[in-house]
Amino acid sequence: AERSFSIVAYRLQHPIELDGRLDDWLGQGVEVRALGREHVIEQAVDTDVAPITLWHAIGVYDNDIYGAFQVLDERVLYVDGENARPESADHVRIGIQTPWGEQRRYIVAARGPGPVTAVQVPIDASALAPSAAEPRIQGYWRETVSGFNLELRLPRALVGPRLGFAFADVDDQDPRTIRSIVGSIGPEGRETLGTATVPPPEAVQIV
């Protein structure tokens, strides 16, 4: 079932400081919206997913798009080991349709709190293409009492008419399987990118 999912970007008056604190969003009047039970894409049979596990906001300032994610997660799991795949830890997925029509998928995971960089991963999970760091997508991961906050910045030139994101929750230290996914990007092959309403650079109206 294809669910419509529209993402509205706020026009920010000031750039966001990537520190994992959401006060500079709230100070600009941005409403952080919840993704709830209706946005659970898949979950393990034995999982009780809280009605809301992900809040989000998207904003635009100058040539950058910013994302804020506030995640409720009892157990934050980080990437460990030298060759650990980012999918083996709690992570936020970003799906983009570029202005030139290419589908791209990125994953943001962390080895611990602090600055993070996205990696580009194949849309098709069976592809052998390796994941590659995307230094243009930077962020900051901050632990909270109830989970974590993640702030991201990506170049506006990368984002075309469609944008999606999701939080994938991994709870078991071993075997590190994904217990639930909340958002607009499903597992491989079931990509649901929402329509992104990003104001054009020359527009001055508040969205």
Protein backbone atom coordinates (compact mmCIF):
# COMPACT_ATOMS: atom_id res chain seq x y z
CA ALA A 1 0.00 0.00 0.00
CA GLU A 2 1.53 3.27 -1.12
CA ARG A 3 1.06 5.89 1.56
CA SER A 4 1.28 9.51 0.69
CA PHE A 5 3.89 11.29 2.72
CA SER A 6 4.55 14.94 2.18
CA ILE A 7 7.54 16.69 3.62
CA VAL A 8 7.36 20.44 4.05
CA ALA A 9 10.57 22.33 4.56
CA TYR A 10 10.48 25.41 6.74
CA ARG A 11 12.30 28.49 5.52
CA LEU A 12 14.79 29.14 8.28
CA GLN A 13 15.83 32.66 9.24
CA HIS A 14 19.21 31.48 10.52
CA PRO A 15 21.43 28.48 9.80
CA ILE A 16 21.20 25.59 12.23
CA GLU A 17 24.18 24.87 14.45
CA LEU A 18 24.88 21.16 14.20
CA ASP A 19 25.06 20.32 17.89
CA GLY A 20 22.18 17.90 18.40
CA ARG A 21 20.18 20.43 20.38
CA LEU A 22 16.82 21.42 18.93
CA ASP A 23 16.48 24.83 20.57
CA ASP A 24 17.56 26.73 17.46
CA TRP A 25 14.70 25.01 15.57
CA LEU A 26 12.10 25.81 18.18
CA GLY A 27 13.45 29.34 18.47
CA GLN A 28 12.63 29.85 14.79
CA GLY A 29 9.07 28.65 15.23
CA VAL A 30 9.59 25.26 13.60
CA GLU A 31 7.09 22.61 14.61
CA VAL A 32 8.71 19.23 15.17
CA ARG A 33 6.25 16.69 13.79
CA ALA A 34 5.69 13.16 15.02
CA LEU A 35 5.76 9.99 12.99
CA GLY A 36 3.59 7.45 14.72
CA ARG A 37 2.12 4.00 14.41
CA GLU A 38 0.77 4.63 10.92
CA HIS A 39 4.33 5.18 9.74
CA VAL A 40 5.69 1.88 11.03
CA ILE A 41 6.99 0.23 7.89
CA GLU A 42 7.90 -3.12 9.34
CA GLN A 43 8.59 -4.62 12.71
CA ALA A 44 9.56 -7.89 14.30
CA VAL A 45 6.61 -10.00 15.42
CA ASP A 46 7.47 -9.72 19.10
CA THR A 47 8.05 -5.99 19.06
CA ASP A 48 5.79 -3.57 20.85
CA VAL A 49 6.43 -0.31 19.07
CA ALA A 50 5.58 2.78 21.04
CA PRO A 51 2.94 4.86 19.22
CA ILE A 52 5.53 7.53 18.43
CA THR A 53 9.24 6.87 18.17
CA LEU A 54 10.37 9.61 15.79
CA TRP A 55 9.89 13.34 15.62
CA HIS A 56 11.27 15.29 12.68
CA ALA A 57 11.60 18.72 11.11
CA ILE A 58 13.10 19.83 7.80
CA GLY A 59 14.32 23.34 7.13
CA VAL A 60 16.05 25.29 4.38
CA TYR A 61 18.57 28.06 4.75
CA ASP A 62 20.46 29.46 1.77
CA ASN A 63 22.00 26.50 -0.10
CA ASP A 64 21.52 23.93 2.65
CA ILE A 65 18.73 21.66 3.78
CA TYR A 66 18.67 20.78 7.47
CA GLY A 67 16.98 17.87 9.16
CA ALA A 68 16.23 17.36 12.84
CA PHE A 69 15.33 13.96 14.21
CA GLN A 70 14.36 13.24 17.77
CA VAL A 71 14.24 9.51 18.43
CA LEU A 72 12.81 7.67 21.41
CA ASP A 73 14.82 4.50 21.86
CA GLU A 74 15.40 2.68 25.13
CA ARG A 75 18.68 1.25 23.91
CA VAL A 76 20.86 3.22 21.49
CA LEU A 77 23.17 0.86 19.60
CA TYR A 78 26.29 2.21 17.91
CA VAL A 79 28.47 0.89 15.14
CA ASP A 80 31.44 -1.06 16.46
CA GLY A 81 34.32 -2.94 14.89
CA GLU A 82 36.43 -1.83 11.98
CA ASN A 83 34.23 -3.15 9.18
CA ALA A 84 30.83 -2.93 10.81
CA ARG A 85 28.07 -2.08 8.38
CA PRO A 86 26.09 1.04 9.32
CA GLU A 87 22.90 -1.03 9.02
CA SER A 88 24.07 -3.08 12.01
CA ALA A 89 23.41 -0.18 14.40
CA ASP A 90 20.57 2.22 15.07
CA HIS A 91 20.46 4.43 12.00
CA VAL A 92 18.53 7.05 10.11
CA ARG A 93 17.94 6.41 6.41
CA ILE A 94 17.62 9.21 3.88
CA GLY A 95 16.22 8.65 0.42
CA ILE A 96 16.56 11.29 -2.28
CA GLN A 97 15.46 11.73 -5.83
CA THR A 98 18.00 14.16 -7.22
CA PRO A 99 17.08 17.06 -9.52
CA TRP A 100 18.43 14.95 -12.40
CA GLY A 101 16.19 12.01 -11.52
CA GLU A 102 18.61 9.64 -9.81
CA GLN A 103 17.48 7.69 -6.76
CA ARG A 104 19.96 7.75 -3.91
CA ARG A 105 19.97 6.27 -0.44
CA TYR A 106 22.08 7.31 2.51
CA ILE A 107 22.49 5.92 6.00
CA VAL A 108 23.59 7.85 9.06
CA ALA A 109 24.84 5.78 11.98
CA ALA A 110 27.33 6.65 14.69
CA ARG A 111 30.24 5.07 16.51
CA GLY A 112 29.24 7.22 19.47
CA PRO A 113 27.86 10.67 20.23
CA GLY A 114 29.36 13.53 18.26
CA PRO A 115 29.84 14.54 14.61
CA VAL A 116 28.65 12.05 11.98
CA THR A 117 28.90 11.72 8.21
CA ALA A 118 26.43 9.93 5.95
CA VAL A 119 27.34 6.98 3.77
CA GLN A 120 25.74 6.32 0.40
CA VAL A 121 24.47 2.76 0.08
CA PRO A 122 23.03 0.93 -2.93
CA ILE A 123 19.26 1.22 -3.42
CA ASP A 124 19.30 -2.48 -4.25
CA ALA A 125 20.50 -4.48 -1.26
CA SER A 126 21.71 -7.29 -3.47
CA ALA A 127 24.07 -4.95 -5.32
CA LEU A 128 27.71 -5.51 -4.56
CA ALA A 129 28.53 -1.81 -4.72
CA PRO A 130 30.25 -0.79 -1.50
CA SER A 131 28.93 1.98 0.67
CA ALA A 132 30.87 5.22 0.29
CA ALA A 133 31.18 8.15 2.67
CA GLU A 134 29.29 11.27 1.54
CA PRO A 135 31.14 14.15 3.21
CA ARG A 136 28.60 16.68 1.95
CA ILE A 137 26.03 15.24 4.37
CA GLN A 138 27.21 16.14 7.87
CA GLY A 139 25.49 15.86 11.20
CA TYR A 140 25.70 15.63 14.94
CA TRP A 141 24.39 12.80 17.11
CA ARG A 142 23.54 13.68 20.72
CA GLU A 143 22.34 11.21 23.30
CA THR A 144 19.29 12.19 25.36
CA VAL A 145 17.67 10.65 28.42
CA SER A 146 15.12 8.93 26.17
CA GLY A 147 17.15 8.17 23.04
CA PHE A 148 19.02 10.55 20.79
CA ASN A 149 18.77 13.67 18.65
CA LEU A 150 20.32 13.81 15.20
CA GLU A 151 20.79 17.01 13.23
CA LEU A 152 21.82 16.82 9.58
CA ARG A 153 22.84 19.25 6.86
CA LEU A 154 22.82 18.36 3.18
CA PRO A 155 23.33 20.44 0.04
CA ARG A 156 20.13 21.70 -1.52
CA ALA A 157 21.58 20.96 -4.96
CA LEU A 158 21.37 17.25 -4.13
CA VAL A 159 17.65 17.18 -3.37
CA GLY A 160 15.09 17.11 -6.15
CA PRO A 161 11.33 16.59 -5.96
CA ARG A 162 11.33 13.66 -3.57
CA LEU A 163 12.79 13.07 -0.14
CA GLY A 164 12.24 10.39 2.46
CA PHE A 165 13.66 9.27 5.74
CA ALA A 166 13.20 6.62 8.37
CA PHE A 167 14.63 5.45 11.66
CA ALA A 168 15.69 1.81 11.86
CA ASP A 169 15.87 0.44 15.39
CA VAL A 170 18.44 -2.24 16.17
CA ASP A 171 18.32 -3.53 19.73
CA ASP A 172 20.22 -6.79 19.97
CA GLN A 173 23.96 -6.65 20.42
CA ASP A 174 23.94 -9.95 18.55
CA PRO A 175 22.76 -10.71 15.82
CA ARG A 176 21.97 -7.00 15.30
CA THR A 177 18.79 -7.45 13.32
CA ILE A 178 16.49 -4.50 12.65
CA ARG A 179 13.49 -4.67 14.95
CA SER A 180 11.42 -1.88 13.49
CA ILE A 181 11.51 0.88 10.91
CA VAL A 182 9.50 4.08 11.29
CA GLY A 183 9.29 6.65 8.53
CA SER A 184 8.77 6.86 4.79
CA ILE A 185 11.56 4.60 3.50
CA GLY A 186 10.96 0.90 3.71
CA PRO A 187 13.34 -1.98 3.28
CA GLU A 188 15.05 -2.42 -0.06
CA GLY A 189 12.66 -2.65 -2.98
CA ARG A 190 9.86 -0.82 -1.19
CA GLU A 191 11.06 2.74 -1.51
CA THR A 192 8.39 5.28 -0.62
CA LEU A 193 9.82 8.74 -1.00
CA GLY A 194 7.54 11.55 -0.02
CA THR A 195 7.04 14.61 -2.13
CA ALA A 196 9.41 17.26 -0.87
CA THR A 197 8.19 20.83 -0.85
CA VAL A 198 11.44 22.76 -0.77
CA PRO A 199 11.08 26.45 -1.53
CA PRO A 200 13.15 27.54 -4.51
CA PRO A 201 16.18 29.69 -3.66
CA GLU A 202 14.68 32.87 -5.00
CA ALA A 203 11.36 32.49 -3.20
CA VAL A 204 10.77 34.68 -0.19
CA GLN A 205 7.49 33.33 1.17
CA ILE A 206 7.45 31.34 4.40
CA VAL A 207 6.44 27.74 3.75
